Amino acid sequence: MTVTPAAEADRDAIVREIGQHLRAESEQDLDALLAGMTDDCYNLVVCDPSPYYRGPEEVARRYRGLWTAFPDLEVKLQRVVAIDGDVAVTEHTLSGTHLGPLFGVAPTGRKLSVDTCVVWEFVGTKVRGETVYFDLATLLRQAGALELRSAQG
């Protein structure tokens, strides 16, 4: 498949927008986050007990909850896995100090970190939606709310 110059420019713009979005998420800049999203934006956080956030107000509520749980949240892009038309797939590391409620777990003061995979949907260069995948057991184990035993016993 040959990538045309216009398609390459679109890909570059999408990668730039992802970078700006993650920077705004880490800096807790809600205005910048929402400015890069469409009016019909959504977040689907697959392991969340209430996983679907639709529209700017609900998406903002999701980010505020994340920032309450992790006031020092840092989201680092590890790699862009693929971009195909209006969809991108990326891997990140999300980390922060657990200082607010997280999925019903009281704050522990522990530093938590989890790798995530995000499937992004774009309209032009604006984010329409994010589907976020990560291992909730990893976070709960780090927070001390889940004990896993090894296969050996």
C-alpha atoms as a PDB file:
ATOM      1  CA  MET A   1       0.000   0.000   0.000  1.00  0.00           C
ATOM      2  CA  THR A   2       1.373   3.389  -0.996  1.00  0.00           C
ATOM      3  CA  VAL A   3       0.872   6.256   1.441  1.00  0.00           C
ATOM      4  CA  THR A   4       0.118   9.505  -0.374  1.00  0.00           C
ATOM      5  CA  PRO A   5       1.559  12.821   0.846  1.00  0.00           C
ATOM      6  CA  ALA A   6      -1.933  13.921   1.937  1.00  0.00           C
ATOM      7  CA  ALA A   7      -2.445  10.691   3.904  1.00  0.00           C
ATOM      8  CA  GLU A   8       0.978  11.106   5.519  1.00  0.00           C
ATOM      9  CA  ALA A   9       0.061  14.678   6.536  1.00  0.00           C
ATOM     10  CA  ASP A  10      -3.194  13.381   8.066  1.00  0.00           C
ATOM     11  CA  ARG A  11      -1.248  10.720   9.972  1.00  0.00           C
ATOM     12  CA  ASP A  12       1.201  13.326  11.258  1.00  0.00           C
ATOM     13  CA  ALA A  13      -1.693  15.564  12.375  1.00  0.00           C
ATOM     14  CA  ILE A  14      -3.329  12.644  14.204  1.00  0.00           C
ATOM     15  CA  VAL A  15      -0.063  11.778  15.974  1.00  0.00           C
ATOM     16  CA  ARG A  16       0.348  15.453  16.981  1.00  0.00           C
ATOM     17  CA  GLU A  17      -3.221  15.542  18.345  1.00  0.00           C
ATOM     18  CA  ILE A  18      -2.642  12.374  20.363  1.00  0.00           C
ATOM     19  CA  GLY A  19       0.501  13.946  21.841  1.00  0.00           C
ATOM     20  CA  GLN A  20      -1.372  17.162  22.704  1.00  0.00           C
ATOM     21  CA  HIS A  21      -4.228  15.161  24.221  1.00  0.00           C
ATOM     22  CA  LEU A  22      -1.906  13.108  26.443  1.00  0.00           C
ATOM     23  CA  ARG A  23       0.003  16.222  27.486  1.00  0.00           C
ATOM     24  CA  ALA A  24      -3.275  17.953  28.445  1.00  0.00           C
ATOM     25  CA  GLU A  25      -4.349  14.822  30.345  1.00  0.00           C
ATOM     26  CA  SER A  26      -1.080  14.783  32.319  1.00  0.00           C
ATOM     27  CA  GLU A  27      -1.260  18.549  32.937  1.00  0.00           C
ATOM     28  CA  GLN A  28      -4.939  18.319  33.964  1.00  0.00           C
ATOM     29  CA  ASP A  29      -5.869  20.889  31.340  1.00  0.00           C
ATOM     30  CA  LEU A  30      -9.531  20.074  30.784  1.00  0.00           C
ATOM     31  CA  ASP A  31     -10.092  22.995  28.400  1.00  0.00           C
ATOM     32  CA  ALA A  32      -7.297  21.795  26.109  1.00  0.00           C
ATOM     33  CA  LEU A  33      -8.554  18.196  26.267  1.00  0.00           C
ATOM     34  CA  LEU A  34     -12.090  19.131  25.293  1.00  0.00           C
ATOM     35  CA  ALA A  35     -10.901  21.611  22.642  1.00  0.00           C
ATOM     36  CA  GLY A  36      -9.291  18.697  20.815  1.00  0.00           C
ATOM     37  CA  MET A  37     -12.469  16.609  20.950  1.00  0.00           C
ATOM     38  CA  THR A  38     -15.701  16.682  18.957  1.00  0.00           C
ATOM     39  CA  ASP A  39     -19.041  17.770  20.432  1.00  0.00           C
ATOM     40  CA  ASP A  40     -20.226  14.134  20.347  1.00  0.00           C
ATOM     41  CA  CYS A  41     -17.068  12.815  22.041  1.00  0.00           C
ATOM     42  CA  TYR A  42     -16.959   9.701  24.179  1.00  0.00           C
ATOM     43  CA  ASN A  43     -14.689   7.656  26.416  1.00  0.00           C
ATOM     44  CA  LEU A  44     -15.228   3.922  26.783  1.00  0.00           C
ATOM     45  CA  VAL A  45     -13.111   2.583  29.639  1.00  0.00           C
ATOM     46  CA  VAL A  46     -13.599  -1.146  29.262  1.00  0.00           C
ATOM     47  CA  CYS A  47     -12.830  -2.233  32.851  1.00  0.00           C
ATOM     48  CA  ASP A  48     -14.728   0.667  34.485  1.00  0.00           C
ATOM     49  CA  PRO A  49     -17.906  -0.373  36.362  1.00  0.00           C
ATOM     50  CA  SER A  50     -19.665   2.484  34.504  1.00  0.00           C
ATOM     51  CA  PRO A  51     -17.599   2.290  31.326  1.00  0.00           C
ATOM     52  CA  TYR A  52     -19.286   4.663  28.864  1.00  0.00           C
ATOM     53  CA  TYR A  53     -18.918   8.448  29.080  1.00  0.00           C
ATOM     54  CA  ARG A  54     -20.766  10.291  26.324  1.00  0.00           C
ATOM     55  CA  GLY A  55     -20.512  13.992  25.528  1.00  0.00           C
ATOM     56  CA  PRO A  56     -18.203  16.696  26.857  1.00  0.00           C
ATOM     57  CA  GLU A  57     -19.782  16.853  30.342  1.00  0.00           C
ATOM     58  CA  GLU A  58     -19.488  13.120  31.008  1.00  0.00           C
ATOM     59  CA  VAL A  59     -16.009  12.936  29.474  1.00  0.00           C
ATOM     60  CA  ALA A  60     -14.977  15.856  31.715  1.00  0.00           C
ATOM     61  CA  ARG A  61     -16.427  14.007  34.734  1.00  0.00           C
ATOM     62  CA  ARG A  62     -14.322  10.949  33.833  1.00  0.00           C
ATOM     63  CA  TYR A  63     -11.120  13.004  33.660  1.00  0.00           C
ATOM     64  CA  ARG A  64     -11.900  14.829  36.918  1.00  0.00           C
ATOM     65  CA  GLY A  65     -12.366  11.449  38.621  1.00  0.00           C
ATOM     66  CA  LEU A  66      -9.052  10.210  37.225  1.00  0.00           C
ATOM     67  CA  TRP A  67      -7.289  13.364  38.447  1.00  0.00           C
ATOM     68  CA  THR A  68      -8.902  13.009  41.879  1.00  0.00           C
ATOM     69  CA  ALA A  69      -7.560   9.460  42.119  1.00  0.00           C
ATOM     70  CA  PHE A  70      -4.149  10.509  40.766  1.00  0.00           C
ATOM     71  CA  PRO A  71      -3.419  14.219  41.374  1.00  0.00           C
ATOM     72  CA  ASP A  72       0.050  13.692  39.883  1.00  0.00           C
ATOM     73  CA  LEU A  73      -1.154  11.645  36.906  1.00  0.00           C
ATOM     74  CA  GLU A  74       1.358  11.123  34.136  1.00  0.00           C
ATOM     75  CA  VAL A  75       0.465   9.498  30.824  1.00  0.00           C
ATOM     76  CA  LYS A  76       3.443   8.585  28.646  1.00  0.00           C
ATOM     77  CA  LEU A  77       3.024   7.511  25.052  1.00  0.00           C
ATOM     78  CA  GLN A  78       5.049   4.345  24.467  1.00  0.00           C
ATOM     79  CA  ARG A  79       4.246   3.887  20.793  1.00  0.00           C
ATOM     80  CA  VAL A  80       1.754   4.429  18.027  1.00  0.00           C
ATOM     81  CA  VAL A  81       0.813   0.907  16.963  1.00  0.00           C
ATOM     82  CA  ALA A  82      -1.258   1.760  13.891  1.00  0.00           C
ATOM     83  CA  ILE A  83      -3.214   4.438  12.096  1.00  0.00           C
ATOM     84  CA  ASP A  84      -5.803   3.402   9.548  1.00  0.00           C
ATOM     85  CA  GLY A  85      -8.052   6.144   8.204  1.00  0.00           C
ATOM     86  CA  ASP A  86      -9.860   7.704  11.165  1.00  0.00           C
ATOM     87  CA  VAL A  87      -8.684   5.128  13.737  1.00  0.00           C
ATOM     88  CA  ALA A  88      -5.413   5.009  15.664  1.00  0.00           C
ATOM     89  CA  VAL A  89      -4.116   2.509  18.217  1.00  0.00           C
ATOM     90  CA  THR A  90      -1.551   3.508  20.831  1.00  0.00           C
ATOM     91  CA  GLU A  91       0.149   2.104  23.919  1.00  0.00           C
ATOM     92  CA  HIS A  92       0.774   4.216  27.029  1.00  0.00           C
ATOM     93  CA  THR A  93       1.932   3.966  30.594  1.00  0.00           C
ATOM     94  CA  LEU A  94      -0.356   5.643  33.106  1.00  0.00           C
ATOM     95  CA  SER A  95       1.105   6.348  36.536  1.00  0.00           C
ATOM     96  CA  GLY A  96       0.421   8.403  39.605  1.00  0.00           C
ATOM     97  CA  THR A  97       0.074   8.418  43.372  1.00  0.00           C
ATOM     98  CA  HIS A  98      -3.223   6.936  44.560  1.00  0.00           C
ATOM     99  CA  LEU A  99      -4.569   9.837  46.638  1.00  0.00           C
ATOM    100  CA  GLY A 100      -8.291   9.619  45.825  1.00  0.00           C
ATOM    101  CA  PRO A 101     -10.918   6.897  45.394  1.00  0.00           C
ATOM    102  CA  LEU A 102     -10.282   4.499  42.527  1.00  0.00           C
ATOM    103  CA  PHE A 103     -12.950   1.962  41.492  1.00  0.00           C
ATOM    104  CA  GLY A 104     -14.230   1.933  45.081  1.00  0.00           C
ATOM    105  CA  VAL A 105     -10.765   1.535  46.624  1.00  0.00           C
ATOM    106  CA  ALA A 106      -9.902   4.135  49.258  1.00  0.00           C
ATOM    107  CA  PRO A 107      -6.704   6.146  48.697  1.00  0.00           C
ATOM    108  CA  THR A 108      -3.544   4.250  49.654  1.00  0.00           C
ATOM    109  CA  GLY A 109      -0.822   6.813  48.970  1.00  0.00           C
ATOM    110  CA  ARG A 110       0.927   4.208  46.822  1.00  0.00           C
ATOM    111  CA  LYS A 111       2.502   4.921  43.459  1.00  0.00           C
ATOM    112  CA  LEU A 112       0.564   2.926  40.834  1.00  0.00           C
ATOM    113  CA  SER A 113       1.416   2.266  37.205  1.00  0.00           C
ATOM    114  CA  VAL A 114      -0.358   0.389  34.425  1.00  0.00           C
ATOM    115  CA  ASP A 115       0.169  -0.083  30.722  1.00  0.00           C
ATOM    116  CA  THR A 116      -2.812   0.845  28.582  1.00  0.00           C
ATOM    117  CA  CYS A 117      -3.929   0.416  25.010  1.00  0.00           C
ATOM    118  CA  VAL A 118      -6.201   3.033  23.453  1.00  0.00           C
ATOM    119  CA  VAL A 119      -8.191   2.827  20.254  1.00  0.00           C
ATOM    120  CA  TRP A 120      -8.810   6.394  19.083  1.00  0.00           C
ATOM    121  CA  GLU A 121     -11.565   7.482  16.712  1.00  0.00           C
ATOM    122  CA  PHE A 122     -10.988  10.741  14.847  1.00  0.00           C
ATOM    123  CA  VAL A 123     -13.093  13.149  12.840  1.00  0.00           C
ATOM    124  CA  GLY A 124     -10.476  15.006  10.858  1.00  0.00           C
ATOM    125  CA  THR A 125      -7.848  15.736  13.489  1.00  0.00           C
ATOM    126  CA  LYS A 126     -10.285  15.968  16.410  1.00  0.00           C
ATOM    127  CA  VAL A 127     -10.749  13.090  18.815  1.00  0.00           C
ATOM    128  CA  ARG A 128     -14.273  11.705  18.676  1.00  0.00           C
ATOM    129  CA  GLY A 129     -13.606   8.896  21.084  1.00  0.00           C
ATOM    130  CA  GLU A 130     -11.223   6.767  23.056  1.00  0.00           C
ATOM    131  CA  THR A 131     -11.709   3.120  23.929  1.00  0.00           C
ATOM    132  CA  VAL A 132      -9.310   2.408  26.780  1.00  0.00           C
ATOM    133  CA  TYR A 133      -8.064  -1.064  27.730  1.00  0.00           C
ATOM    134  CA  PHE A 134      -5.922  -1.892  30.751  1.00  0.00           C
ATOM    135  CA  ASP A 135      -5.545  -4.589  33.368  1.00  0.00           C
ATOM    136  CA  LEU A 136      -7.559  -3.463  36.382  1.00  0.00           C
ATOM    137  CA  ALA A 137      -6.129  -6.350  38.436  1.00  0.00           C
ATOM    138  CA  THR A 138      -2.668  -4.790  38.037  1.00  0.00           C
ATOM    139  CA  LEU A 139      -3.842  -1.509  39.569  1.00  0.00           C
ATOM    140  CA  LEU A 140      -5.820  -3.214  42.339  1.00  0.00           C
ATOM    141  CA  ARG A 141      -2.846  -5.448  43.207  1.00  0.00           C
ATOM    142  CA  GLN A 142      -0.528  -2.426  43.377  1.00  0.00           C
ATOM    143  CA  ALA A 143      -3.065  -0.625  45.574  1.00  0.00           C
ATOM    144  CA  GLY A 144      -3.171  -3.613  47.938  1.00  0.00           C
ATOM    145  CA  ALA A 145      -6.838  -4.322  47.204  1.00  0.00           C
ATOM    146  CA  LEU A 146      -6.244  -7.634  45.392  1.00  0.00           C
ATOM    147  CA  GLU A 147      -3.981 -10.515  46.235  1.00  0.00           C
ATOM    148  CA  LEU A 148      -3.077 -12.904  43.482  1.00  0.00           C
ATOM    149  CA  ARG A 149      -1.513 -16.264  44.168  1.00  0.00           C
ATOM    150  CA  SER A 150       1.032 -17.856  41.920  1.00  0.00           C
ATOM    151  CA  ALA A 151       0.156 -20.945  39.918  1.00  0.00           C
ATOM    152  CA  GLN A 152       2.556 -22.924  42.138  1.00  0.00           C
ATOM    153  CA  GLY A 153       0.449 -22.373  45.200  1.00  0.00           C
END
